[in-house]
Amino acid sequence: MTAEPTLVERLQTAAAVAIADVGPTLEPDLGRLQFVTIELELANGGEVVAGTVWTQRRAGVRRRG
């Protein structure tokens, strides 16, 4: 009999899957990447039932003067 994964293990696995899903969009513009936010939705028992990833990049603003 194998032990059930802990909550931390389930969160780590779900986060890794979420990052892998957006991975190809992260690499090309790495210099402007500022934040990667991962939201994991949990069921009552701590099971991960959904996940969302947002990225935020720095905007290039040119100053006149």
N, C-alpha and C. Protein backbone atom coordinates (compact mmCIF):
# COMPACT_ATOMS: atom_id res chain seq x y z
N MET A 1 0.84 -1.17 0.00
CA MET A 1 0.00 0.00 0.00
C MET A 1 0.90 1.25 0.00
N THR A 2 0.61 2.18 -0.90
CA THR A 2 1.40 3.41 -0.96
C THR A 2 0.67 4.52 -0.22
N ALA A 3 1.45 5.38 0.39
CA ALA A 3 0.87 6.49 1.15
C ALA A 3 0.34 7.55 0.19
N GLU A 4 -0.74 8.20 0.61
CA GLU A 4 -1.30 9.30 -0.17
C GLU A 4 -0.31 10.47 -0.14
N PRO A 5 -0.21 11.21 -1.24
CA PRO A 5 0.67 12.38 -1.23
C PRO A 5 0.18 13.42 -0.21
N THR A 6 1.14 14.11 0.39
CA THR A 6 0.78 15.16 1.34
C THR A 6 0.25 16.37 0.58
N LEU A 7 -0.34 17.30 1.30
CA LEU A 7 -0.85 18.53 0.68
C LEU A 7 0.29 19.27 -0.01
N VAL A 8 1.42 19.36 0.62
CA VAL A 8 2.57 20.06 0.02
C VAL A 8 2.99 19.39 -1.28
N GLU A 9 3.01 18.07 -1.30
CA GLU A 9 3.38 17.35 -2.52
C GLU A 9 2.36 17.59 -3.63
N ARG A 10 1.07 17.60 -3.28
CA ARG A 10 0.04 17.87 -4.29
C ARG A 10 0.17 19.29 -4.84
N LEU A 11 0.44 20.26 -3.97
CA LEU A 11 0.61 21.64 -4.41
C LEU A 11 1.85 21.79 -5.31
N GLN A 12 2.93 21.14 -4.94
CA GLN A 12 4.14 21.20 -5.76
C GLN A 12 3.92 20.60 -7.14
N THR A 13 3.24 19.48 -7.19
CA THR A 13 2.96 18.84 -8.47
C THR A 13 2.06 19.72 -9.34
N ALA A 14 1.00 20.26 -8.75
CA ALA A 14 0.08 21.11 -9.50
C ALA A 14 0.77 22.38 -9.99
N ALA A 15 1.62 22.97 -9.16
CA ALA A 15 2.36 24.18 -9.57
C ALA A 15 3.31 23.86 -10.72
N ALA A 16 3.98 22.73 -10.65
CA ALA A 16 4.90 22.34 -11.73
C ALA A 16 4.14 22.15 -13.05
N VAL A 17 2.97 21.54 -12.99
CA VAL A 17 2.16 21.34 -14.20
C VAL A 17 1.70 22.69 -14.75
N ALA A 18 1.27 23.58 -13.86
CA ALA A 18 0.81 24.91 -14.29
C ALA A 18 1.93 25.69 -14.96
N ILE A 19 3.12 25.65 -14.38
CA ILE A 19 4.26 26.36 -14.96
C ILE A 19 4.65 25.75 -16.31
N ALA A 20 4.62 24.43 -16.40
CA ALA A 20 4.94 23.77 -17.67
C ALA A 20 3.97 24.17 -18.76
N ASP A 21 2.70 24.39 -18.39
CA ASP A 21 1.69 24.78 -19.39
C ASP A 21 1.99 26.13 -20.01
N VAL A 22 2.53 27.06 -19.22
CA VAL A 22 2.83 28.40 -19.75
C VAL A 22 4.31 28.57 -20.08
N GLY A 23 5.09 27.55 -19.84
CA GLY A 23 6.54 27.62 -20.05
C GLY A 23 6.98 28.19 -21.38
N PRO A 24 6.41 27.75 -22.50
CA PRO A 24 6.83 28.27 -23.79
C PRO A 24 6.60 29.78 -23.94
N THR A 25 5.63 30.34 -23.21
CA THR A 25 5.38 31.77 -23.32
C THR A 25 6.28 32.58 -22.39
N LEU A 26 6.93 31.92 -21.44
CA LEU A 26 7.80 32.63 -20.51
C LEU A 26 9.18 32.91 -21.09
N GLU A 27 9.73 31.98 -21.79
CA GLU A 27 11.12 32.06 -22.25
C GLU A 27 11.44 33.17 -23.25
N PRO A 28 10.62 33.40 -24.28
CA PRO A 28 11.02 34.35 -25.32
C PRO A 28 11.24 35.78 -24.82
N ASP A 29 10.51 36.20 -23.81
CA ASP A 29 10.57 37.58 -23.35
C ASP A 29 11.05 37.63 -21.89
N LEU A 30 12.01 36.81 -21.55
CA LEU A 30 12.46 36.62 -20.18
C LEU A 30 12.95 37.91 -19.52
N GLY A 31 13.55 38.80 -20.29
CA GLY A 31 14.08 40.03 -19.73
C GLY A 31 13.01 40.96 -19.19
N ARG A 32 11.80 40.86 -19.69
CA ARG A 32 10.71 41.72 -19.23
C ARG A 32 9.79 41.04 -18.22
N LEU A 33 9.98 39.75 -18.01
CA LEU A 33 9.13 39.00 -17.08
C LEU A 33 9.35 39.51 -15.66
N GLN A 34 8.25 39.86 -14.99
CA GLN A 34 8.35 40.42 -13.65
C GLN A 34 7.73 39.50 -12.60
N PHE A 35 6.55 38.97 -12.87
CA PHE A 35 5.86 38.12 -11.91
C PHE A 35 5.24 36.92 -12.61
N VAL A 36 5.21 35.79 -11.91
CA VAL A 36 4.42 34.63 -12.30
C VAL A 36 3.57 34.29 -11.08
N THR A 37 2.26 34.37 -11.24
CA THR A 37 1.34 34.10 -10.15
C THR A 37 0.59 32.82 -10.45
N ILE A 38 0.57 31.93 -9.49
CA ILE A 38 -0.11 30.64 -9.65
C ILE A 38 -1.22 30.57 -8.60
N GLU A 39 -2.44 30.32 -9.07
CA GLU A 39 -3.58 30.16 -8.17
C GLU A 39 -4.06 28.72 -8.30
N LEU A 40 -4.11 28.02 -7.17
CA LEU A 40 -4.57 26.64 -7.16
C LEU A 40 -5.85 26.57 -6.34
N GLU A 41 -6.88 25.97 -6.91
CA GLU A 41 -8.16 25.82 -6.22
C GLU A 41 -8.19 24.43 -5.58
N LEU A 42 -8.52 24.42 -4.30
CA LEU A 42 -8.53 23.16 -3.56
C LEU A 42 -9.94 22.75 -3.17
N ALA A 43 -10.18 21.44 -3.15
CA ALA A 43 -11.43 20.90 -2.63
C ALA A 43 -11.31 20.79 -1.11
N ASN A 44 -12.37 20.41 -0.46
CA ASN A 44 -12.37 20.33 1.00
C ASN A 44 -11.27 19.44 1.56
N GLY A 45 -10.95 18.38 0.87
CA GLY A 45 -9.93 17.47 1.37
C GLY A 45 -8.51 17.85 0.98
N GLY A 46 -8.34 19.01 0.37
CA GLY A 46 -7.02 19.45 -0.04
C GLY A 46 -6.62 18.98 -1.44
N GLU A 47 -7.56 18.37 -2.15
CA GLU A 47 -7.29 17.93 -3.53
C GLU A 47 -7.29 19.17 -4.43
N VAL A 48 -6.28 19.26 -5.31
CA VAL A 48 -6.21 20.37 -6.25
C VAL A 48 -7.20 20.08 -7.37
N VAL A 49 -8.17 20.99 -7.57
CA VAL A 49 -9.21 20.76 -8.57
C VAL A 49 -9.08 21.69 -9.78
N ALA A 50 -8.32 22.77 -9.65
CA ALA A 50 -8.13 23.69 -10.77
C ALA A 50 -6.92 24.57 -10.50
N GLY A 51 -6.40 25.13 -11.57
CA GLY A 51 -5.27 26.03 -11.42
C GLY A 51 -5.26 27.08 -12.51
N THR A 52 -4.74 28.26 -12.18
CA THR A 52 -4.63 29.36 -13.12
C THR A 52 -3.26 30.00 -12.96
N VAL A 53 -2.66 30.41 -14.08
CA VAL A 53 -1.36 31.07 -14.04
C VAL A 53 -1.47 32.41 -14.75
N TRP A 54 -0.94 33.46 -14.11
CA TRP A 54 -0.86 34.78 -14.73
C TRP A 54 0.60 35.17 -14.80
N THR A 55 0.94 35.89 -15.84
CA THR A 55 2.28 36.47 -15.93
C THR A 55 2.15 37.98 -16.05
N GLN A 56 3.16 38.67 -15.54
CA GLN A 56 3.20 40.12 -15.67
C GLN A 56 4.58 40.49 -16.17
N ARG A 57 4.59 41.37 -17.17
CA ARG A 57 5.84 41.82 -17.75
C ARG A 57 5.97 43.33 -17.59
N ARG A 58 7.21 43.80 -17.59
CA ARG A 58 7.45 45.23 -17.56
C ARG A 58 7.15 45.81 -18.93
N ALA A 59 6.51 46.97 -18.93
CA ALA A 59 6.24 47.66 -20.17
C ALA A 59 7.40 48.58 -20.49
N GLY A 60 7.75 48.63 -21.75
CA GLY A 60 8.81 49.54 -22.18
C GLY A 60 8.21 50.92 -22.49
N VAL A 61 8.48 51.89 -21.61
CA VAL A 61 7.96 53.24 -21.78
C VAL A 61 9.13 54.15 -22.18
N ARG A 62 8.98 54.79 -23.31
CA ARG A 62 10.02 55.71 -23.75
C ARG A 62 9.70 57.12 -23.27
N ARG A 63 10.70 57.77 -22.76
CA ARG A 63 10.52 59.13 -22.29
C ARG A 63 11.02 60.12 -23.31
N ARG A 64 10.23 61.14 -23.49
CA ARG A 64 10.65 62.22 -24.39
C ARG A 64 11.34 63.29 -23.58
N GLY A 65 12.33 63.86 -24.20
CA GLY A 65 12.94 64.95 -23.45
C GLY A 65 14.24 65.31 -23.91
